[in-house]
Structure formats: structure tokens, C-alpha cells
Amino acid sequence: MNDLKNMTCPKCGKSYYAEGISTCTCVYYQPIYKDGVNINPDRNNISTQYHCLECGCDWSVSSRDGLHYDTKIV
């Protein structure tokens, strides 16, 4: 699962959930461009909690640049 728009519960696999608290690191990454490409992209981490409305499972997802990199059942 790399696309946060297609989230499913890690326990039951249903896509019926509520989004809870979200936290984010707050570091400024100055854009540095080489040949028109930013070689110093924003690397802030976002962690969001979710609650499955189908089975009651709680989990959190960590992401960076809009892509998922870690899921933990709480």
C-alpha cells in the first residue's frame, strides 16, 4: 500500500474507516535545484491514526511525500 488514497484496514481489509489525530514534524528543507530538479525535497514525516468502522481496529500510518512507509496496529 503506497497510495494513501486507497487505504484499507490492516486487520479486515475493508475501506471503511475514520481518520483521527495527525502529527507532523516541522523542519524547513530549503529547495536546492540542479538542472531544474529539487534535490533537497521536503522530508517531514506525518503520522495519522485511523479507526476501522467495520471491525474496530485502530492503526497508525506514517508517511512522507504523500507515500506510506509504515503501518502499526495500535
C-alpha atoms as a PDB file:
ATOM      1  CA  MET A   1       0.000   0.000   0.000  1.00  0.00           C
ATOM      2  CA  ASN A   2       1.807   3.108  -1.203  1.00  0.00           C
ATOM      3  CA  ASP A   3      -1.161   5.277  -2.065  1.00  0.00           C
ATOM      4  CA  LEU A   4      -2.778   6.848   0.998  1.00  0.00           C
ATOM      5  CA  LYS A   5      -5.987   7.440  -1.000  1.00  0.00           C
ATOM      6  CA  ASN A   6      -6.605   3.674  -1.265  1.00  0.00           C
ATOM      7  CA  MET A   7      -6.276   2.899   2.467  1.00  0.00           C
ATOM      8  CA  THR A   8      -7.697  -0.341   3.873  1.00  0.00           C
ATOM      9  CA  CYS A   9      -7.820  -1.744   7.407  1.00  0.00           C
ATOM     10  CA  PRO A  10      -4.749  -3.917   8.093  1.00  0.00           C
ATOM     11  CA  LYS A  11      -6.937  -6.376  10.056  1.00  0.00           C
ATOM     12  CA  CYS A  12     -10.096  -6.893   7.960  1.00  0.00           C
ATOM     13  CA  GLY A  13      -9.103  -5.284   4.648  1.00  0.00           C
ATOM     14  CA  LYS A  14     -12.200  -3.065   4.452  1.00  0.00           C
ATOM     15  CA  SER A  15     -12.029   0.538   3.300  1.00  0.00           C
ATOM     16  CA  TYR A  16     -14.453   1.910   5.923  1.00  0.00           C
ATOM     17  CA  TYR A  17     -12.589   3.987   8.490  1.00  0.00           C
ATOM     18  CA  ALA A  18     -12.416   7.292  10.356  1.00  0.00           C
ATOM     19  CA  GLU A  19      -9.299   9.442  10.344  1.00  0.00           C
ATOM     20  CA  GLY A  20      -8.114  10.587  13.774  1.00  0.00           C
ATOM     21  CA  ILE A  21      -5.242  12.654  15.132  1.00  0.00           C
ATOM     22  CA  SER A  22      -2.381  13.556  12.817  1.00  0.00           C
ATOM     23  CA  THR A  23       1.086  14.773  13.801  1.00  0.00           C
ATOM     24  CA  CYS A  24       3.824  16.214  11.605  1.00  0.00           C
ATOM     25  CA  THR A  25       7.474  17.109  12.041  1.00  0.00           C
ATOM     26  CA  CYS A  26       8.190  20.732  11.268  1.00  0.00           C
ATOM     27  CA  VAL A  27      11.548  21.132   9.562  1.00  0.00           C
ATOM     28  CA  TYR A  28      12.224  23.556   6.744  1.00  0.00           C
ATOM     29  CA  TYR A  29      14.004  21.930   3.824  1.00  0.00           C
ATOM     30  CA  GLN A  30      15.347  24.678   1.583  1.00  0.00           C
ATOM     31  CA  PRO A  31      14.775  23.716  -2.042  1.00  0.00           C
ATOM     32  CA  ILE A  32      18.064  23.191  -3.870  1.00  0.00           C
ATOM     33  CA  TYR A  33      17.731  22.816  -7.619  1.00  0.00           C
ATOM     34  CA  LYS A  34      20.064  21.074 -10.012  1.00  0.00           C
ATOM     35  CA  ASP A  35      19.102  21.038 -13.672  1.00  0.00           C
ATOM     36  CA  GLY A  36      15.537  22.059 -12.728  1.00  0.00           C
ATOM     37  CA  VAL A  37      15.060  19.214 -10.205  1.00  0.00           C
ATOM     38  CA  ASN A  38      14.756  19.804  -6.452  1.00  0.00           C
ATOM     39  CA  ILE A  39      17.497  17.647  -4.941  1.00  0.00           C
ATOM     40  CA  ASN A  40      16.544  18.582  -1.358  1.00  0.00           C
ATOM     41  CA  PRO A  41      12.824  17.701  -1.134  1.00  0.00           C
ATOM     42  CA  ASP A  42      10.615  18.156   1.933  1.00  0.00           C
ATOM     43  CA  ARG A  43      11.271  15.127   4.172  1.00  0.00           C
ATOM     44  CA  ASN A  44       8.843  15.898   7.002  1.00  0.00           C
ATOM     45  CA  ASN A  45       7.109  12.857   8.490  1.00  0.00           C
ATOM     46  CA  ILE A  46       3.354  12.684   9.021  1.00  0.00           C
ATOM     47  CA  SER A  47       1.774  10.113  11.345  1.00  0.00           C
ATOM     48  CA  THR A  48      -2.008   9.660  11.259  1.00  0.00           C
ATOM     49  CA  GLN A  49      -4.268   7.458  13.378  1.00  0.00           C
ATOM     50  CA  TYR A  50      -7.232   5.582  11.900  1.00  0.00           C
ATOM     51  CA  HIS A  51     -10.172   3.614  13.319  1.00  0.00           C
ATOM     52  CA  CYS A  52     -11.902   0.902  11.268  1.00  0.00           C
ATOM     53  CA  LEU A  53     -15.678   1.308  11.373  1.00  0.00           C
ATOM     54  CA  GLU A  54     -16.115  -2.308  10.237  1.00  0.00           C
ATOM     55  CA  CYS A  55     -14.079  -4.302  12.802  1.00  0.00           C
ATOM     56  CA  GLY A  56     -12.959  -1.660  15.351  1.00  0.00           C
ATOM     57  CA  CYS A  57      -9.222  -1.997  14.683  1.00  0.00           C
ATOM     58  CA  ASP A  58      -7.067   1.071  15.451  1.00  0.00           C
ATOM     59  CA  TRP A  59      -3.887   1.669  13.472  1.00  0.00           C
ATOM     60  CA  SER A  60      -1.458   4.420  12.579  1.00  0.00           C
ATOM     61  CA  VAL A  61       0.202   5.180   9.279  1.00  0.00           C
ATOM     62  CA  SER A  62       3.421   7.097   8.803  1.00  0.00           C
ATOM     63  CA  SER A  63       4.050   8.816   5.505  1.00  0.00           C
ATOM     64  CA  ARG A  64       6.448  11.130   3.751  1.00  0.00           C
ATOM     65  CA  ASP A  65       5.877  12.949   0.456  1.00  0.00           C
ATOM     66  CA  GLY A  66       2.338  11.513   0.335  1.00  0.00           C
ATOM     67  CA  LEU A  67       3.614   7.930   0.304  1.00  0.00           C
ATOM     68  CA  HIS A  68       3.056   5.362   3.051  1.00  0.00           C
ATOM     69  CA  TYR A  69       6.153   3.868   4.645  1.00  0.00           C
ATOM     70  CA  ASP A  70       4.968   2.276   7.907  1.00  0.00           C
ATOM     71  CA  THR A  71       1.716   0.873   9.361  1.00  0.00           C
ATOM     72  CA  LYS A  72       1.314  -0.134  13.010  1.00  0.00           C
ATOM     73  CA  ILE A  73      -1.741  -1.681  14.642  1.00  0.00           C
ATOM     74  CA  VAL A  74      -2.324   0.167  17.914  1.00  0.00           C
END
